[in-house]
Amino acid sequence: MLMVTRRIGERIVIGEGVEIVITEIHRQSVRVAVKAPPGHVIFRGEVWDKIAQANREAAEAAAQLDAAKMAVIDAIDAPAAARTEDGGAPADAKPQAARPLRGGLKPLVARTPKKTNDP
């Protein structure tokens, strides 16, 4: 860490294009201005800490969600494991009812048109 003494109007240069300028000095605080190229993001320390914490929590939630998704996929694929080597269902297998598709959609079922008694 670099520690320097600066007066109002003096600056600190970091790399190319990043400058810190002292604008005001009070008893308990110092006001600084930060100049940086458009591609650099600048945050106050406490804001950066909150962003980092939110990112950690989001990553943990995503990992838990992925684990839950895999459990559901494994449960759906479990009946497929009982199939015979030639890909068909075992002889003692019962036909399964069509299960809903993702998003709550149901598979299409062929229907016969209704008969009407209109002349």
C-alpha atoms as a PDB file:
ATOM      1  CA  MET A   1       0.000   0.000   0.000  1.00  0.00           C
ATOM      2  CA  LEU A   2       1.290   3.428  -0.891  1.00  0.00           C
ATOM      3  CA  MET A   3       0.754   6.203   1.663  1.00  0.00           C
ATOM      4  CA  VAL A   4       1.424   9.761   0.595  1.00  0.00           C
ATOM      5  CA  THR A   5       0.657  13.210   1.942  1.00  0.00           C
ATOM      6  CA  ARG A   6      -1.251  15.407  -0.493  1.00  0.00           C
ATOM      7  CA  ARG A   7      -2.621  18.936  -0.372  1.00  0.00           C
ATOM      8  CA  ILE A   8      -5.716  20.356  -2.057  1.00  0.00           C
ATOM      9  CA  GLY A   9      -5.293  20.248  -5.834  1.00  0.00           C
ATOM     10  CA  GLU A  10      -2.496  17.672  -5.772  1.00  0.00           C
ATOM     11  CA  ARG A  11      -3.100  14.365  -7.469  1.00  0.00           C
ATOM     12  CA  ILE A  12      -2.129  10.715  -7.535  1.00  0.00           C
ATOM     13  CA  VAL A  13      -1.856   8.894 -10.877  1.00  0.00           C
ATOM     14  CA  ILE A  14      -2.581   5.162 -11.091  1.00  0.00           C
ATOM     15  CA  GLY A  15      -1.548   3.474 -14.336  1.00  0.00           C
ATOM     16  CA  GLU A  16      -2.592   5.184 -17.532  1.00  0.00           C
ATOM     17  CA  GLY A  17      -5.627   7.405 -17.332  1.00  0.00           C
ATOM     18  CA  VAL A  18      -6.612   7.009 -13.665  1.00  0.00           C
ATOM     19  CA  GLU A  19      -6.106  10.056 -11.441  1.00  0.00           C
ATOM     20  CA  ILE A  20      -7.095  10.804  -7.867  1.00  0.00           C
ATOM     21  CA  VAL A  21      -7.279  14.520  -7.059  1.00  0.00           C
ATOM     22  CA  ILE A  22      -7.656  15.937  -3.530  1.00  0.00           C
ATOM     23  CA  THR A  23     -10.448  18.523  -3.647  1.00  0.00           C
ATOM     24  CA  GLU A  24     -11.210  19.300   0.047  1.00  0.00           C
ATOM     25  CA  ILE A  25      -9.721  18.551   3.442  1.00  0.00           C
ATOM     26  CA  HIS A  26     -11.758  18.691   6.659  1.00  0.00           C
ATOM     27  CA  ARG A  27     -10.933  17.647  10.206  1.00  0.00           C
ATOM     28  CA  GLN A  28     -12.278  14.099   9.872  1.00  0.00           C
ATOM     29  CA  SER A  29     -12.565  13.605   6.122  1.00  0.00           C
ATOM     30  CA  VAL A  30     -10.953  14.197   2.775  1.00  0.00           C
ATOM     31  CA  ARG A  31     -12.882  14.709  -0.461  1.00  0.00           C
ATOM     32  CA  VAL A  32     -11.269  13.178  -3.526  1.00  0.00           C
ATOM     33  CA  ALA A  33     -12.162  13.175  -7.209  1.00  0.00           C
ATOM     34  CA  VAL A  34     -11.387  10.142  -9.336  1.00  0.00           C
ATOM     35  CA  LYS A  35     -10.840  10.513 -13.081  1.00  0.00           C
ATOM     36  CA  ALA A  36     -10.798   7.329 -15.124  1.00  0.00           C
ATOM     37  CA  PRO A  37     -11.389   6.243 -18.732  1.00  0.00           C
ATOM     38  CA  PRO A  38     -14.925   5.110 -19.637  1.00  0.00           C
ATOM     39  CA  GLY A  39     -14.053   1.390 -19.366  1.00  0.00           C
ATOM     40  CA  HIS A  40     -13.117   1.594 -15.664  1.00  0.00           C
ATOM     41  CA  VAL A  41     -15.759   1.061 -12.993  1.00  0.00           C
ATOM     42  CA  ILE A  42     -15.386   3.035  -9.748  1.00  0.00           C
ATOM     43  CA  PHE A  43     -17.274   2.176  -6.542  1.00  0.00           C
ATOM     44  CA  ARG A  44     -17.095   3.299  -2.937  1.00  0.00           C
ATOM     45  CA  GLY A  45     -15.711   0.502  -0.752  1.00  0.00           C
ATOM     46  CA  GLU A  46     -18.979  -0.229   1.077  1.00  0.00           C
ATOM     47  CA  VAL A  47     -20.893  -0.466  -2.229  1.00  0.00           C
ATOM     48  CA  TRP A  48     -18.264  -2.826  -3.650  1.00  0.00           C
ATOM     49  CA  ASP A  49     -18.583  -5.036  -0.544  1.00  0.00           C
ATOM     50  CA  LYS A  50     -22.397  -5.236  -0.930  1.00  0.00           C
ATOM     51  CA  ILE A  51     -22.067  -6.128  -4.628  1.00  0.00           C
ATOM     52  CA  ALA A  52     -19.533  -8.850  -3.815  1.00  0.00           C
ATOM     53  CA  GLN A  53     -21.809 -10.277  -1.090  1.00  0.00           C
ATOM     54  CA  ALA A  54     -24.826 -10.278  -3.442  1.00  0.00           C
ATOM     55  CA  ASN A  55     -22.745 -12.069  -6.095  1.00  0.00           C
ATOM     56  CA  ARG A  56     -21.674 -14.732  -3.581  1.00  0.00           C
ATOM     57  CA  GLU A  57     -25.281 -15.281  -2.474  1.00  0.00           C
ATOM     58  CA  ALA A  58     -26.477 -15.506  -6.096  1.00  0.00           C
ATOM     59  CA  ALA A  59     -23.773 -18.063  -6.914  1.00  0.00           C
ATOM     60  CA  GLU A  60     -24.755 -20.187  -3.904  1.00  0.00           C
ATOM     61  CA  ALA A  61     -28.452 -20.009  -4.855  1.00  0.00           C
ATOM     62  CA  ALA A  62     -27.639 -21.000  -8.446  1.00  0.00           C
ATOM     63  CA  ALA A  63     -25.625 -23.990  -7.223  1.00  0.00           C
ATOM     64  CA  GLN A  64     -28.536 -25.122  -5.029  1.00  0.00           C
ATOM     65  CA  LEU A  65     -30.969 -24.643  -7.918  1.00  0.00           C
ATOM     66  CA  ASP A  66     -28.724 -26.667 -10.238  1.00  0.00           C
ATOM     67  CA  ALA A  67     -28.634 -29.482  -7.675  1.00  0.00           C
ATOM     68  CA  ALA A  68     -32.443 -29.403  -7.418  1.00  0.00           C
ATOM     69  CA  LYS A  69     -32.789 -29.449 -11.221  1.00  0.00           C
ATOM     70  CA  MET A  70     -30.478 -32.453 -11.478  1.00  0.00           C
ATOM     71  CA  ALA A  71     -32.550 -34.291  -8.854  1.00  0.00           C
ATOM     72  CA  VAL A  72     -35.703 -33.668 -10.892  1.00  0.00           C
ATOM     73  CA  ILE A  73     -34.014 -34.783 -14.123  1.00  0.00           C
ATOM     74  CA  ASP A  74     -32.748 -37.934 -12.409  1.00  0.00           C
ATOM     75  CA  ALA A  75     -36.253 -38.660 -11.121  1.00  0.00           C
ATOM     76  CA  ILE A  76     -37.722 -38.220 -14.604  1.00  0.00           C
ATOM     77  CA  ASP A  77     -35.050 -40.408 -16.208  1.00  0.00           C
ATOM     78  CA  ALA A  78     -35.369 -43.171 -13.590  1.00  0.00           C
ATOM     79  CA  PRO A  79     -38.129 -45.117 -15.460  1.00  0.00           C
ATOM     80  CA  ALA A  80     -35.928 -45.137 -18.573  1.00  0.00           C
ATOM     81  CA  ALA A  81     -33.312 -47.154 -16.684  1.00  0.00           C
ATOM     82  CA  ALA A  82     -35.748 -50.095 -16.449  1.00  0.00           C
ATOM     83  CA  ARG A  83     -35.812 -50.550 -20.235  1.00  0.00           C
ATOM     84  CA  THR A  84     -34.343 -53.599 -21.915  1.00  0.00           C
ATOM     85  CA  GLU A  85     -31.073 -53.555 -23.846  1.00  0.00           C
ATOM     86  CA  ASP A  86     -32.847 -53.346 -27.221  1.00  0.00           C
ATOM     87  CA  GLY A  87     -34.488 -50.079 -26.121  1.00  0.00           C
ATOM     88  CA  GLY A  88     -37.971 -51.495 -25.547  1.00  0.00           C
ATOM     89  CA  ALA A  89     -39.858 -51.648 -22.297  1.00  0.00           C
ATOM     90  CA  PRO A  90     -39.631 -54.805 -20.197  1.00  0.00           C
ATOM     91  CA  ALA A  91     -42.430 -57.318 -20.684  1.00  0.00           C
ATOM     92  CA  ASP A  92     -43.887 -56.666 -17.233  1.00  0.00           C
ATOM     93  CA  ALA A  93     -43.857 -52.868 -17.637  1.00  0.00           C
ATOM     94  CA  LYS A  94     -47.163 -51.027 -17.425  1.00  0.00           C
ATOM     95  CA  PRO A  95     -47.887 -48.247 -19.917  1.00  0.00           C
ATOM     96  CA  GLN A  96     -47.294 -44.834 -18.374  1.00  0.00           C
ATOM     97  CA  ALA A  97     -49.671 -41.926 -18.682  1.00  0.00           C
ATOM     98  CA  ALA A  98     -48.326 -38.946 -20.598  1.00  0.00           C
ATOM     99  CA  ARG A  99     -46.655 -36.582 -18.166  1.00  0.00           C
ATOM    100  CA  PRO A 100     -46.857 -32.793 -18.543  1.00  0.00           C
ATOM    101  CA  LEU A 101     -44.113 -31.095 -20.479  1.00  0.00           C
ATOM    102  CA  ARG A 102     -41.937 -28.347 -19.048  1.00  0.00           C
ATOM    103  CA  GLY A 103     -43.657 -25.079 -18.364  1.00  0.00           C
ATOM    104  CA  GLY A 104     -46.940 -26.786 -17.507  1.00  0.00           C
ATOM    105  CA  LEU A 105     -47.731 -27.675 -21.119  1.00  0.00           C
ATOM    106  CA  LYS A 106     -49.412 -30.995 -21.829  1.00  0.00           C
ATOM    107  CA  PRO A 107     -48.564 -33.218 -24.788  1.00  0.00           C
ATOM    108  CA  LEU A 108     -50.883 -33.052 -27.768  1.00  0.00           C
ATOM    109  CA  VAL A 109     -53.467 -35.842 -27.924  1.00  0.00           C
ATOM    110  CA  ALA A 110     -55.267 -36.762 -31.132  1.00  0.00           C
ATOM    111  CA  ARG A 111     -58.998 -36.232 -30.745  1.00  0.00           C
ATOM    112  CA  THR A 112     -61.904 -37.233 -32.902  1.00  0.00           C
ATOM    113  CA  PRO A 113     -64.306 -34.474 -33.916  1.00  0.00           C
ATOM    114  CA  LYS A 114     -67.619 -34.315 -32.090  1.00  0.00           C
ATOM    115  CA  LYS A 115     -70.602 -35.639 -33.965  1.00  0.00           C
ATOM    116  CA  THR A 116     -73.502 -33.291 -34.355  1.00  0.00           C
ATOM    117  CA  ASN A 117     -77.082 -34.144 -35.237  1.00  0.00           C
ATOM    118  CA  ASP A 118     -77.580 -31.040 -37.334  1.00  0.00           C
ATOM    119  CA  PRO A 119     -79.318 -31.746 -40.682  1.00  0.00           C
END
